[in-house]
Amino acid sequence: MDTTDLLLAIAHHLLVFSLAGIIAALIVIVGVCRVFFGLKGWEFYVYNWVFWAKMVAFIIVGLLSVIPTIRFISWNRQASGDPSFSVPAAELASAKNYVRAEGFIFLLIPVFAAAMARGYGY
């Protein structure tokens, strides 16, 4: 396997995923369609550990986003009701940690995608 090609694919996927974050639902829908209707067939995905690692990373990112999202909504409500509202430092630090973890795990998704596209894990 060519390492240079793998690294270029990873960089390419990272850039695409960063642009495509706004259309995540469509990405999931088209991805599911690729599993069932794509040329590789569903067997390629079902028996591929890299695919499952990518799916686990995707789920973890989704779960990690719940707490910061709830906090952002809460802070927005509090700020709307009280113009002098200030986000408590501990809550802000906690939310930052969740977002950092989410970002790190998110980076694994295109890495797994590039590796899977080159036949790793099957």
C-alpha atoms as a PDB file:
ATOM      1  CA  MET A   1       0.000   0.000   0.000  1.00  0.00           C
ATOM      2  CA  ASP A   2       1.236   3.470  -0.859  1.00  0.00           C
ATOM      3  CA  THR A   3       1.642   5.622   2.266  1.00  0.00           C
ATOM      4  CA  THR A   4       1.850   8.861   0.259  1.00  0.00           C
ATOM      5  CA  ASP A   5      -1.495   8.174  -1.381  1.00  0.00           C
ATOM      6  CA  LEU A   6      -3.026   7.318   1.999  1.00  0.00           C
ATOM      7  CA  LEU A   7      -1.767  10.596   3.532  1.00  0.00           C
ATOM      8  CA  LEU A   8      -3.044  12.605   0.574  1.00  0.00           C
ATOM      9  CA  ALA A   9      -6.432  10.893   0.844  1.00  0.00           C
ATOM     10  CA  ILE A  10      -6.582  11.651   4.577  1.00  0.00           C
ATOM     11  CA  ALA A  11      -5.845  15.334   3.943  1.00  0.00           C
ATOM     12  CA  HIS A  12      -8.426  15.399   1.140  1.00  0.00           C
ATOM     13  CA  HIS A  13     -11.095  13.798   3.327  1.00  0.00           C
ATOM     14  CA  LEU A  14     -10.350  16.152   6.243  1.00  0.00           C
ATOM     15  CA  LEU A  15     -10.896  19.158   4.000  1.00  0.00           C
ATOM     16  CA  VAL A  16     -14.080  17.740   2.481  1.00  0.00           C
ATOM     17  CA  PHE A  17     -15.484  16.791   5.884  1.00  0.00           C
ATOM     18  CA  SER A  18     -14.739  20.249   7.282  1.00  0.00           C
ATOM     19  CA  LEU A  19     -16.711  21.825   4.426  1.00  0.00           C
ATOM     20  CA  ALA A  20     -19.472  19.237   4.569  1.00  0.00           C
ATOM     21  CA  GLY A  21     -20.194  19.538   8.294  1.00  0.00           C
ATOM     22  CA  ILE A  22     -23.209  21.678   7.497  1.00  0.00           C
ATOM     23  CA  ILE A  23     -24.820  18.904   5.497  1.00  0.00           C
ATOM     24  CA  ALA A  24     -24.216  16.007   7.880  1.00  0.00           C
ATOM     25  CA  ALA A  25     -27.652  14.421   7.443  1.00  0.00           C
ATOM     26  CA  LEU A  26     -27.170  14.142   3.678  1.00  0.00           C
ATOM     27  CA  ILE A  27     -23.748  12.603   4.203  1.00  0.00           C
ATOM     28  CA  VAL A  28     -25.285   9.914   6.415  1.00  0.00           C
ATOM     29  CA  ILE A  29     -28.108   9.225   3.953  1.00  0.00           C
ATOM     30  CA  VAL A  30     -25.784   8.928   0.968  1.00  0.00           C
ATOM     31  CA  GLY A  31     -23.365   6.818   3.029  1.00  0.00           C
ATOM     32  CA  VAL A  32     -26.123   4.366   3.930  1.00  0.00           C
ATOM     33  CA  CYS A  33     -27.100   4.212   0.258  1.00  0.00           C
ATOM     34  CA  ARG A  34     -23.489   3.394  -0.649  1.00  0.00           C
ATOM     35  CA  VAL A  35     -23.533   0.493   1.812  1.00  0.00           C
ATOM     36  CA  PHE A  36     -26.664  -1.036   0.309  1.00  0.00           C
ATOM     37  CA  PHE A  37     -26.475   0.025  -3.347  1.00  0.00           C
ATOM     38  CA  GLY A  38     -22.751   0.695  -3.939  1.00  0.00           C
ATOM     39  CA  LEU A  39     -20.376  -1.418  -6.018  1.00  0.00           C
ATOM     40  CA  LYS A  40     -18.571  -2.914  -3.030  1.00  0.00           C
ATOM     41  CA  GLY A  41     -21.748  -4.430  -1.634  1.00  0.00           C
ATOM     42  CA  TRP A  42     -22.912  -4.469   1.958  1.00  0.00           C
ATOM     43  CA  GLU A  43     -20.636  -7.428   2.798  1.00  0.00           C
ATOM     44  CA  PHE A  44     -17.556  -5.232   2.345  1.00  0.00           C
ATOM     45  CA  TYR A  45     -18.811  -2.892   5.042  1.00  0.00           C
ATOM     46  CA  VAL A  46     -20.336  -5.392   7.453  1.00  0.00           C
ATOM     47  CA  TYR A  47     -17.132  -7.426   7.723  1.00  0.00           C
ATOM     48  CA  ASN A  48     -14.722  -4.475   7.702  1.00  0.00           C
ATOM     49  CA  TRP A  49     -13.373  -3.466  11.123  1.00  0.00           C
ATOM     50  CA  VAL A  50     -12.238  -0.066   9.768  1.00  0.00           C
ATOM     51  CA  PHE A  51     -15.828   0.685   8.737  1.00  0.00           C
ATOM     52  CA  TRP A  52     -17.031  -0.138  12.248  1.00  0.00           C
ATOM     53  CA  ALA A  53     -14.258   1.985  13.781  1.00  0.00           C
ATOM     54  CA  LYS A  54     -15.467   4.864  11.593  1.00  0.00           C
ATOM     55  CA  MET A  55     -19.060   4.298  12.718  1.00  0.00           C
ATOM     56  CA  VAL A  56     -18.037   4.191  16.390  1.00  0.00           C
ATOM     57  CA  ALA A  57     -16.087   7.444  15.950  1.00  0.00           C
ATOM     58  CA  PHE A  58     -19.144   9.023  14.304  1.00  0.00           C
ATOM     59  CA  ILE A  59     -21.400   7.948  17.193  1.00  0.00           C
ATOM     60  CA  ILE A  60     -18.910   9.187  19.798  1.00  0.00           C
ATOM     61  CA  VAL A  61     -18.753  12.584  18.076  1.00  0.00           C
ATOM     62  CA  GLY A  62     -22.538  12.764  18.161  1.00  0.00           C
ATOM     63  CA  LEU A  63     -22.686  11.848  21.846  1.00  0.00           C
ATOM     64  CA  LEU A  64     -19.909  14.280  22.768  1.00  0.00           C
ATOM     65  CA  SER A  65     -21.798  17.110  21.065  1.00  0.00           C
ATOM     66  CA  VAL A  66     -24.887  16.715  23.284  1.00  0.00           C
ATOM     67  CA  ILE A  67     -23.531  18.372  26.455  1.00  0.00           C
ATOM     68  CA  PRO A  68     -22.049  21.482  24.763  1.00  0.00           C
ATOM     69  CA  THR A  69     -25.203  21.914  22.673  1.00  0.00           C
ATOM     70  CA  ILE A  70     -27.407  21.803  25.756  1.00  0.00           C
ATOM     71  CA  ARG A  71     -25.118  24.265  27.509  1.00  0.00           C
ATOM     72  CA  PHE A  72     -25.063  26.661  24.538  1.00  0.00           C
ATOM     73  CA  ILE A  73     -28.860  26.666  24.446  1.00  0.00           C
ATOM     74  CA  SER A  74     -29.024  27.235  28.208  1.00  0.00           C
ATOM     75  CA  TRP A  75     -26.485  30.050  28.089  1.00  0.00           C
ATOM     76  CA  ASN A  76     -28.365  31.692  25.230  1.00  0.00           C
ATOM     77  CA  ARG A  77     -31.627  31.575  27.192  1.00  0.00           C
ATOM     78  CA  GLN A  78     -29.965  32.979  30.297  1.00  0.00           C
ATOM     79  CA  ALA A  79     -28.276  35.753  28.313  1.00  0.00           C
ATOM     80  CA  SER A  80     -31.601  36.660  26.681  1.00  0.00           C
ATOM     81  CA  GLY A  81     -33.237  37.031  30.097  1.00  0.00           C
ATOM     82  CA  ASP A  82     -30.288  38.743  31.779  1.00  0.00           C
ATOM     83  CA  PRO A  83     -28.022  41.013  29.694  1.00  0.00           C
ATOM     84  CA  SER A  84     -25.378  40.896  32.416  1.00  0.00           C
ATOM     85  CA  PHE A  85     -25.219  37.090  32.307  1.00  0.00           C
ATOM     86  CA  SER A  86     -21.716  35.682  32.167  1.00  0.00           C
ATOM     87  CA  VAL A  87     -20.938  32.045  31.484  1.00  0.00           C
ATOM     88  CA  PRO A  88     -19.414  30.465  34.596  1.00  0.00           C
ATOM     89  CA  ALA A  89     -15.747  29.667  34.029  1.00  0.00           C
ATOM     90  CA  ALA A  90     -16.093  26.014  35.087  1.00  0.00           C
ATOM     91  CA  GLU A  91     -18.982  25.426  32.656  1.00  0.00           C
ATOM     92  CA  LEU A  92     -17.076  27.119  29.851  1.00  0.00           C
ATOM     93  CA  ALA A  93     -13.964  25.020  30.529  1.00  0.00           C
ATOM     94  CA  SER A  94     -16.039  21.852  30.577  1.00  0.00           C
ATOM     95  CA  ALA A  95     -17.742  22.706  27.284  1.00  0.00           C
ATOM     96  CA  LYS A  96     -14.356  23.448  25.706  1.00  0.00           C
ATOM     97  CA  ASN A  97     -13.094  20.031  26.771  1.00  0.00           C
ATOM     98  CA  TYR A  98     -16.087  18.318  25.159  1.00  0.00           C
ATOM     99  CA  VAL A  99     -15.603  20.276  21.930  1.00  0.00           C
ATOM    100  CA  ARG A 100     -11.874  19.477  21.859  1.00  0.00           C
ATOM    101  CA  ALA A 101     -12.572  15.772  22.376  1.00  0.00           C
ATOM    102  CA  GLU A 102     -15.259  15.922  19.705  1.00  0.00           C
ATOM    103  CA  GLY A 103     -12.820  17.556  17.279  1.00  0.00           C
ATOM    104  CA  PHE A 104     -10.118  14.991  17.938  1.00  0.00           C
ATOM    105  CA  ILE A 105     -12.451  12.034  17.427  1.00  0.00           C
ATOM    106  CA  PHE A 106     -13.940  13.722  14.349  1.00  0.00           C
ATOM    107  CA  LEU A 107     -10.482  13.752  12.749  1.00  0.00           C
ATOM    108  CA  LEU A 108     -10.459   9.950  12.942  1.00  0.00           C
ATOM    109  CA  ILE A 109     -13.522   9.621  10.679  1.00  0.00           C
ATOM    110  CA  PRO A 110     -11.803  10.703   7.425  1.00  0.00           C
ATOM    111  CA  VAL A 111      -8.677   8.768   8.427  1.00  0.00           C
ATOM    112  CA  PHE A 112     -10.751   5.589   8.699  1.00  0.00           C
ATOM    113  CA  ALA A 113     -12.586   6.465   5.468  1.00  0.00           C
ATOM    114  CA  ALA A 114      -9.337   6.856   3.528  1.00  0.00           C
ATOM    115  CA  ALA A 115      -7.952   3.617   4.931  1.00  0.00           C
ATOM    116  CA  MET A 116     -11.163   1.730   4.187  1.00  0.00           C
ATOM    117  CA  ALA A 117     -11.226   3.037   0.605  1.00  0.00           C
ATOM    118  CA  ARG A 118      -7.806   1.463   0.119  1.00  0.00           C
ATOM    119  CA  GLY A 119      -8.912  -1.939   1.347  1.00  0.00           C
ATOM    120  CA  TYR A 120      -7.725  -1.860   4.941  1.00  0.00           C
ATOM    121  CA  GLY A 121      -9.792  -3.792   7.426  1.00  0.00           C
ATOM    122  CA  TYR A 122     -11.423  -6.284   5.076  1.00  0.00           C
END
